[in-house]
Amino acid sequence: MAYTTMIIGGGVAGAASAIALHKAGLDPVVYEAYDRGADNAGVFLTLAVNALDALRALGMDVGGLGFDTPSMAITSGSGRKLGELPYGTALSDGTVSRTVKRADLYRALREEAVRRGVRVEYGKRLVDAESTGDGVRAKFADGTTAEGDLLIGADGLRSRTREIIAPDAPGARYAGLLNTGGYARGVETGAEPGVMNAIFGRRCFFAYTVHPDGEVWWVANPAYPAEPTPAELAAITPEQWRTRLTELFRRDRGPAADIVAATDRVFAGWNTYDLPTVPRWHRDRMIIVGDAAHATAPSIGQGAAMAIEDTVVLAKCLRDSASVDHAFAAYEGLRRERVERVVEQGNRTGGWKALGPIARLPRDLIMSVAMKRMARTGADPSRWIYEHHLDWDTPVSA
């Protein structure tokens, strides 16, 4: 049945949902809270191979964005190399993980959705939604309403849709880390282009990768036990971030301090959160996907991947199920265990970044031993994440 579907949110999860639902024969409309796209988002992300595989199921290729990131090298703040590993198992045709600017990914997904005939309405911030028996009525902050057969909440970590479906659901969990980053030029790192270099510094985690044109893309995660308010974060200027980071990396060996110094503009900082479990993903004809249902810390690089996988699975369930209730239940049954396991692994990985000076030495030793074992045996404990394959043409079983 060609359900008319209201998608709340126009980010990665929302735009990918629109593409997936359109491909499945539904009639999606995207309602984006902001009055324009996120074309100025400065941060970047790595699309792991499972994300690229899920995009292929939708008929999308993002090979024109960013650059290949086939491997990750891990070092300590003392400069000791702890190990190197593939950034996920390459796909059968040799495709490897790819690092892209978030704004470029937003734009590509949105433009593809529009190209396929999806309507996008801006300035539509959801404030409430109610069941109409055989559909849903959405109410927006500008006083307008919209109706459809289904409503999909792809509205992120602070999801209003989640609040409507499950008012008692837990909120986001602060991970004790801040994020900032930037793009640097004119600095020599000695690193091979495309390798993600993760440095577990004495006082702060730092990661960087070199674009084939020489630009260095980087991110830092200062530990900060007390959760800052948005106002407190907004009050930190780019130059204050530069000064703080320079001090944090002062005793580390490696290029972190030089990269920060060579950066024209340091990103405004933001907090790290995850969302371990939401007891209820759907009610009546409303359902949540992506970060609205299961946000993972960025330390594991799977936030966008899990959202894109969600959209493929949900669209297939709606395509192949006899009823909306059956489709929603099938979707949750196929996704919940996997995404909650990913969130938990992301929490463990992020916890290693926040360790203090005393715990740093045993952490580095444990990581070194584990990396050597992986290199010797070829056993990657994260393989289950990367080798997850979604086939669009295979029907969802009853």
Protein backbone atom coordinates (compact mmCIF):
# COMPACT_ATOMS: atom_id res chain seq x y z
CA MET A 1 0.00 0.00 0.00
CA ALA A 2 1.31 3.48 -0.90
CA TYR A 3 1.09 4.99 2.58
CA THR A 4 1.42 8.76 2.78
CA THR A 5 4.27 9.14 5.27
CA MET A 6 5.29 12.21 7.22
CA ILE A 7 9.01 12.17 8.07
CA ILE A 8 9.99 14.47 10.93
CA GLY A 9 13.58 15.68 10.45
CA GLY A 10 15.66 16.27 7.35
CA GLY A 11 19.08 15.04 8.48
CA VAL A 12 20.75 11.77 7.56
CA ALA A 13 17.97 9.60 9.01
CA GLY A 14 15.19 11.74 7.56
CA ALA A 15 16.54 12.09 4.04
CA ALA A 16 17.57 8.42 3.89
CA SER A 17 14.09 7.44 5.14
CA ALA A 18 12.54 9.45 2.32
CA ILE A 19 14.71 7.71 -0.27
CA ALA A 20 14.03 4.26 1.19
CA LEU A 21 10.27 4.73 1.52
CA HIS A 22 9.98 6.15 -1.99
CA LYS A 23 11.90 3.15 -3.31
CA ALA A 24 9.50 0.86 -1.43
CA GLY A 25 6.51 2.48 -3.13
CA LEU A 26 5.35 4.78 -0.34
CA ASP A 27 4.64 8.51 -0.57
CA PRO A 28 6.99 10.34 1.86
CA VAL A 29 7.09 14.04 2.74
CA VAL A 30 9.95 15.46 4.84
CA TYR A 31 9.24 18.12 7.49
CA GLU A 32 12.45 19.86 8.56
CA ALA A 33 12.48 22.10 11.65
CA TYR A 34 15.00 24.57 10.28
CA ASP A 35 14.29 27.02 7.50
CA ARG A 36 17.08 25.61 5.33
CA GLY A 37 19.27 22.55 5.03
CA ALA A 38 22.32 21.89 7.23
CA ASP A 39 24.65 23.07 4.47
CA ASN A 40 26.99 24.85 6.87
CA ALA A 41 27.58 21.94 9.26
CA GLY A 42 31.34 21.97 9.75
CA VAL A 43 31.97 18.51 11.15
CA PHE A 44 32.85 15.33 9.31
CA LEU A 45 32.15 11.66 9.81
CA THR A 46 33.34 8.33 8.50
CA LEU A 47 30.82 6.17 6.69
CA ALA A 48 31.89 2.65 7.57
CA VAL A 49 31.49 -0.09 4.99
CA ASN A 50 28.17 -1.23 6.45
CA ALA A 51 26.79 2.30 5.91
CA LEU A 52 27.99 2.28 2.30
CA ASP A 53 26.46 -1.16 1.81
CA ALA A 54 23.11 0.09 3.17
CA LEU A 55 23.25 3.12 0.86
CA ARG A 56 23.81 0.78 -2.07
CA ALA A 57 20.61 -1.03 -1.12
CA LEU A 58 18.89 2.32 -1.73
CA GLY A 59 20.64 2.77 -5.07
CA MET A 60 22.96 5.48 -3.77
CA ASP A 61 26.70 5.86 -4.31
CA VAL A 62 28.57 8.55 -2.35
CA GLY A 63 31.91 7.84 -4.00
CA GLY A 64 32.09 11.46 -5.12
CA LEU A 65 32.17 12.70 -1.52
CA GLY A 66 35.21 12.79 0.75
CA PHE A 67 37.94 10.18 0.50
CA ASP A 68 38.65 6.54 1.26
CA THR A 69 39.58 5.68 4.85
CA PRO A 70 40.64 2.03 4.72
CA SER A 71 42.48 1.74 8.02
CA MET A 72 43.04 3.12 11.51
CA ALA A 73 46.36 3.58 13.32
CA ILE A 74 46.31 3.88 17.11
CA THR A 75 49.08 5.50 19.17
CA SER A 76 49.58 6.68 22.73
CA GLY A 77 50.39 10.21 23.82
CA SER A 78 54.00 9.12 24.27
CA GLY A 79 54.18 8.43 20.54
CA ARG A 80 54.16 4.65 20.94
CA LYS A 81 52.27 2.87 18.16
CA LEU A 82 49.72 0.56 19.75
CA GLY A 83 48.56 -1.04 16.51
CA GLU A 84 46.84 -0.69 13.16
CA LEU A 85 43.69 -2.34 11.86
CA PRO A 86 41.32 -2.12 8.89
CA TYR A 87 38.46 0.33 9.24
CA GLY A 88 36.01 -2.50 8.64
CA THR A 89 36.20 -5.36 6.16
CA ALA A 90 36.22 -4.11 2.57
CA LEU A 91 33.15 -4.93 0.48
CA SER A 92 33.40 -7.59 -2.20
CA ASP A 93 34.34 -5.06 -4.89
CA GLY A 94 37.08 -3.51 -2.73
CA THR A 95 35.03 -0.59 -1.41
CA VAL A 96 36.37 0.68 1.93
CA SER A 97 35.08 3.09 4.56
CA ARG A 98 34.88 6.73 3.49
CA THR A 99 35.28 10.00 5.42
CA VAL A 100 32.95 12.80 4.31
CA LYS A 101 31.86 16.22 5.47
CA ARG A 102 28.51 15.95 7.20
CA ALA A 103 27.09 18.89 5.24
CA ASP A 104 28.04 17.20 1.96
CA LEU A 105 26.29 14.01 3.04
CA TYR A 106 23.17 15.94 4.08
CA ARG A 107 23.12 17.72 0.74
CA ALA A 108 23.64 14.56 -1.30
CA LEU A 109 20.87 12.67 0.49
CA ARG A 110 18.43 15.57 0.34
CA GLU A 111 19.10 16.24 -3.35
CA GLU A 112 18.66 12.56 -4.16
CA ALA A 113 15.35 12.48 -2.29
CA VAL A 114 14.12 15.54 -4.17
CA ARG A 115 15.35 14.10 -7.47
CA ARG A 116 13.19 11.05 -6.82
CA GLY A 117 10.15 13.23 -6.27
CA VAL A 118 10.09 13.67 -2.48
CA ARG A 119 8.73 16.97 -1.15
CA VAL A 120 10.71 18.73 1.60
CA GLU A 121 9.06 21.41 3.75
CA TYR A 122 11.28 23.67 5.86
CA GLY A 123 10.49 25.60 9.03
CA LYS A 124 8.26 22.79 10.32
CA ARG A 125 9.18 22.04 13.93
CA LEU A 126 6.98 19.30 15.39
CA VAL A 127 5.25 20.20 18.65
CA ASP A 128 2.63 17.45 18.87
CA ALA A 129 1.06 14.53 17.01
CA GLU A 130 -2.08 12.51 17.54
CA SER A 131 -3.68 9.42 16.10
CA THR A 132 -6.68 9.88 13.81
CA GLY A 133 -7.59 6.20 13.85
CA ASP A 134 -6.26 5.27 10.44
CA GLY A 135 -3.55 7.93 10.35
CA VAL A 136 -1.68 10.69 12.18
CA ARG A 137 -2.13 14.45 12.50
CA ALA A 138 1.05 16.44 13.11
CA LYS A 139 1.08 19.93 14.63
CA PHE A 140 3.96 22.33 14.01
CA ALA A 141 5.33 25.33 15.87
CA ASP A 142 4.25 27.71 13.10
CA GLY A 143 0.60 26.82 13.76
CA THR A 144 0.15 24.59 10.72
CA THR A 145 -0.85 20.93 10.67
CA ALA A 146 -0.36 17.99 8.33
CA GLU A 147 -1.92 14.56 8.07
CA GLY A 148 -0.70 11.26 6.74
CA ASP A 149 -1.08 7.52 7.09
CA LEU A 150 2.21 7.23 9.04
CA LEU A 151 4.62 9.44 10.96
CA ILE A 152 8.31 8.58 11.22
CA GLY A 153 10.38 10.44 13.81
CA ALA A 154 13.87 10.97 12.38
CA ASP A 155 14.34 14.00 14.61
CA GLY A 156 17.51 13.06 16.39
CA LEU A 157 18.79 12.86 19.93
CA ARG A 158 16.27 15.37 21.34
CA SER A 159 13.40 13.77 19.44
CA ARG A 160 9.98 15.29 20.04
CA THR A 161 8.48 12.23 18.32
CA ARG A 162 10.09 9.97 20.92
CA GLU A 163 8.56 12.08 23.71
CA ILE A 164 5.12 11.70 22.13
CA ILE A 165 5.42 7.94 21.62
CA ALA A 166 7.10 7.16 24.94
CA PRO A 167 6.78 10.02 27.45
CA ASP A 168 8.58 7.96 30.10
CA ALA A 169 11.56 7.12 27.89
CA PRO A 170 14.98 7.99 29.36
CA GLY A 171 16.78 11.02 28.03
CA ALA A 172 20.19 11.19 26.43
CA ARG A 173 23.15 10.06 28.55
CA TYR A 174 26.10 12.46 28.82
CA ALA A 175 29.38 10.63 28.16
CA GLY A 176 31.78 12.96 30.01
CA LEU A 177 33.47 14.14 26.81
CA LEU A 178 33.38 17.29 24.71
CA ASN A 179 33.93 17.48 20.97
CA THR A 180 35.65 20.00 18.79
CA GLY A 181 37.73 19.86 15.63
CA GLY A 182 38.60 21.59 12.40
CA TYR A 183 40.51 21.56 9.13
CA ALA A 184 44.20 22.44 8.92
CA ARG A 185 46.52 23.27 6.03
CA GLY A 186 50.23 23.76 5.74
CA VAL A 187 51.15 21.24 8.43
CA GLU A 188 53.25 18.12 7.84
CA THR A 189 52.09 15.11 9.82
CA GLY A 190 54.05 12.33 8.12
CA ALA A 191 50.82 10.31 7.98
CA GLU A 192 49.59 8.43 4.94
CA PRO A 193 46.50 10.05 3.39
CA GLY A 194 43.27 8.29 4.27
CA VAL A 195 44.47 6.58 7.43
CA MET A 196 42.47 7.52 10.53
CA ASN A 197 45.06 8.25 13.21
CA ALA A 198 43.71 7.89 16.76
CA ILE A 199 45.93 9.26 19.53
CA PHE A 200 45.08 8.41 23.13
CA GLY A 201 46.89 11.39 24.59
CA ARG A 202 48.00 11.95 28.16
CA ARG A 203 45.19 14.43 28.77
CA CYS A 204 42.95 14.34 25.68
CA PHE A 205 41.98 12.06 22.80
CA PHE A 206 42.81 13.32 19.30
CA ALA A 207 42.08 11.85 15.87
CA TYR A 208 43.06 13.08 12.44
CA THR A 209 43.19 11.96 8.85
CA VAL A 210 44.89 13.54 5.83
CA HIS A 211 42.87 14.33 2.71
CA PRO A 212 44.61 13.38 -0.56
CA ASP A 213 45.03 17.12 -1.26
CA GLY A 214 46.97 17.56 2.02
CA GLU A 215 44.26 19.11 4.19
CA VAL A 216 44.12 17.60 7.68
CA TRP A 217 40.70 16.80 9.14
CA TRP A 218 40.75 16.42 12.93
CA VAL A 219 38.66 16.05 16.05
CA ALA A 220 39.48 16.25 19.78
CA ASN A 221 37.59 14.90 22.80
CA PRO A 222 38.55 16.71 26.02
CA ALA A 223 37.24 14.94 29.13
CA TYR A 224 34.77 17.09 31.05
CA PRO A 225 32.97 15.27 33.89
CA ALA A 226 30.28 17.91 34.57
CA GLU A 227 27.89 18.34 31.64
CA PRO A 228 28.18 21.91 30.30
CA THR A 229 25.03 23.81 29.40
CA PRO A 230 24.56 25.03 25.82
CA ALA A 231 25.18 28.56 27.05
CA GLU A 232 28.46 27.55 28.67
CA LEU A 233 29.64 25.87 25.48
CA ALA A 234 28.57 28.81 23.34
CA ALA A 235 30.61 31.13 25.53
CA ILE A 236 33.88 29.38 24.61
CA THR A 237 35.40 31.19 21.64
CA PRO A 238 37.41 29.42 18.92
CA GLU A 239 40.60 30.99 20.25
CA GLN A 240 39.83 29.80 23.77
CA TRP A 241 39.38 26.30 22.36
CA ARG A 242 42.74 26.64 20.62
CA THR A 243 44.42 27.69 23.86
CA ARG A 244 42.82 24.85 25.86
CA LEU A 245 43.77 22.21 23.31
CA THR A 246 47.31 23.50 22.97
CA GLU A 247 47.74 23.09 26.71
CA LEU A 248 46.15 19.61 26.74
CA PHE A 249 48.50 18.38 24.01
CA ARG A 250 51.61 20.19 25.26
CA ARG A 251 53.24 17.06 26.74
CA ASP A 252 52.18 14.65 23.97
CA ARG A 253 54.43 13.46 21.21
CA GLY A 254 52.82 13.67 17.81
CA PRO A 255 51.31 16.33 15.56
CA ALA A 256 48.18 17.30 17.57
CA ALA A 257 49.42 20.68 18.81
CA ASP A 258 50.84 21.59 15.39
CA ILE A 259 47.58 20.65 13.67
CA VAL A 260 45.54 22.78 16.06
CA ALA A 261 47.92 25.71 15.50
CA ALA A 262 47.55 25.37 11.72
CA THR A 263 43.72 25.46 11.88
CA ASP A 264 42.10 28.73 10.81
CA ARG A 265 38.86 28.13 12.69
CA VAL A 266 38.30 25.63 15.49
CA PHE A 267 34.75 24.25 15.59
CA ALA A 268 32.40 25.41 18.32
CA GLY A 269 32.31 22.62 20.90
CA TRP A 270 29.49 20.21 21.61
CA ASN A 271 28.76 17.53 24.19
CA THR A 272 28.96 13.76 23.63
CA TYR A 273 25.80 11.77 24.33
CA ASP A 274 24.33 8.38 23.69
CA LEU A 275 20.90 6.83 24.18
CA PRO A 276 21.23 3.27 25.49
CA THR A 277 17.67 2.01 25.25
CA VAL A 278 14.21 3.34 24.51
CA PRO A 279 11.57 0.91 25.76
CA ARG A 280 9.02 1.84 23.11
CA TRP A 281 9.84 2.65 19.49
CA HIS A 282 6.33 2.87 18.08
CA ARG A 283 2.73 3.61 19.00
CA ASP A 284 -0.31 3.52 16.74
CA ARG A 285 1.05 4.74 13.39
CA MET A 286 4.08 6.60 14.73
CA ILE A 287 7.63 5.20 14.93
CA ILE A 288 11.19 6.46 15.51
CA VAL A 289 14.43 5.74 13.65
CA GLY A 290 18.10 6.67 13.94
CA ASP A 291 19.31 8.75 16.90
CA ALA A 292 15.73 9.26 18.05
CA ALA A 293 15.65 5.55 18.94
CA HIS A 294 19.26 4.64 19.71
CA ALA A 295 21.97 7.29 19.59
CA THR A 296 25.53 5.98 19.82
CA ALA A 297 28.62 7.91 20.90
CA PRO A 298 30.72 9.08 17.92
CA SER A 299 33.72 7.11 19.22
CA ILE A 300 32.54 4.02 17.34
CA GLY A 301 31.72 5.81 14.07
CA GLN A 302 28.32 4.15 13.62
CA GLY A 303 25.68 6.83 14.21
CA ALA A 304 24.96 7.53 10.55
CA ALA A 305 25.39 3.86 9.65
CA MET A 306 22.78 2.68 12.15
CA ALA A 307 20.34 5.36 10.95
CA ILE A 308 20.78 4.39 7.29
CA GLU A 309 20.41 0.69 8.11
CA ASP A 310 17.20 1.54 10.01
CA THR A 311 15.69 3.23 6.97
CA VAL A 312 16.38 0.26 4.70
CA VAL A 313 14.88 -2.23 7.16
CA LEU A 314 11.81 -0.14 7.96
CA ALA A 315 11.06 0.50 4.29
CA LYS A 316 11.35 -3.22 3.52
CA CYS A 317 9.08 -4.11 6.44
CA LEU A 318 6.42 -1.65 5.25
CA ARG A 319 6.78 -2.96 1.71
CA ASP A 320 6.45 -6.64 2.66
CA SER A 321 4.04 -6.63 5.62
CA ALA A 322 0.27 -7.02 5.52
CA SER A 323 -0.29 -4.28 8.10
CA VAL A 324 1.42 -1.31 9.71
CA ASP A 325 1.40 -3.03 13.10
CA HIS A 326 3.16 -6.06 11.67
CA ALA A 327 5.68 -3.88 9.82
CA PHE A 328 6.57 -1.87 12.92
CA ALA A 329 6.94 -4.99 15.06
CA ALA A 330 9.09 -6.67 12.42
CA TYR A 331 11.32 -3.61 12.14
CA GLU A 332 11.90 -3.45 15.89
CA GLY A 333 12.54 -7.19 16.03
CA LEU A 334 15.16 -6.93 13.32
CA ARG A 335 16.91 -3.83 14.67
CA ARG A 336 16.76 -3.52 18.46
CA GLU A 337 19.37 -6.10 19.51
CA ARG A 338 21.91 -4.93 16.93
CA VAL A 339 21.65 -1.20 17.61
CA GLU A 340 21.67 -1.53 21.39
CA ARG A 341 24.78 -3.72 21.14
CA VAL A 342 26.43 -1.04 18.98
CA VAL A 343 25.49 1.68 21.50
CA GLU A 344 27.02 -0.34 24.32
CA GLN A 345 30.25 -0.89 22.40
CA GLY A 346 30.40 2.82 21.62
CA ASN A 347 30.01 3.59 25.32
CA ARG A 348 32.93 1.30 26.20
CA THR A 349 35.13 2.84 23.50
CA GLY A 350 34.26 6.36 24.61
CA GLY A 351 35.03 5.45 28.21
CA TRP A 352 38.64 4.70 27.26
CA LYS A 353 39.01 8.27 26.04
CA ALA A 354 37.95 9.74 29.39
CA LEU A 355 40.45 7.86 31.57
CA GLY A 356 42.76 9.88 33.81
CA PRO A 357 46.57 9.71 34.12
CA ILE A 358 46.64 6.73 36.50
CA ALA A 359 44.39 4.54 34.34
CA ARG A 360 46.12 5.58 31.10
CA LEU A 361 49.11 3.22 31.42
CA PRO A 362 47.14 -0.02 31.90
CA ARG A 363 44.75 1.12 29.14
CA ASP A 364 47.62 1.53 26.69
CA LEU A 365 49.06 -1.85 27.66
CA ILE A 366 45.72 -3.59 27.23
CA MET A 367 45.17 -1.94 23.87
CA SER A 368 48.66 -2.86 22.66
CA VAL A 369 48.22 -6.53 23.61
CA ALA A 370 44.76 -6.65 22.03
CA MET A 371 45.98 -5.06 18.80
CA LYS A 372 48.89 -7.48 18.52
CA ARG A 373 46.53 -10.42 19.04
CA MET A 374 44.21 -9.11 16.35
CA ALA A 375 47.12 -8.66 13.93
CA ARG A 376 48.34 -12.18 14.62
CA THR A 377 44.99 -13.98 14.44
CA GLY A 378 43.02 -11.70 12.12
CA ALA A 379 40.14 -11.83 14.62
CA ASP A 380 38.44 -8.44 14.71
CA PRO A 381 35.86 -8.27 17.53
CA SER A 382 34.02 -5.54 15.61
CA ARG A 383 33.60 -7.58 12.45
CA TRP A 384 29.94 -8.24 13.29
CA ILE A 385 29.31 -4.52 12.93
CA TYR A 386 30.96 -4.02 9.57
CA GLU A 387 29.92 -7.22 7.81
CA HIS A 388 26.18 -6.66 8.32
CA HIS A 389 24.61 -6.87 4.85
CA LEU A 390 21.15 -5.67 3.81
CA ASP A 391 19.68 -7.00 0.57
CA TRP A 392 16.90 -4.83 -0.75
CA ASP A 393 15.35 -7.57 -2.89
CA THR A 394 15.13 -10.23 -0.17
CA PRO A 395 11.63 -10.12 1.34
CA VAL A 396 11.19 -9.63 5.07
CA SER A 397 9.98 -12.96 6.45
CA ALA A 398 6.62 -13.09 8.19
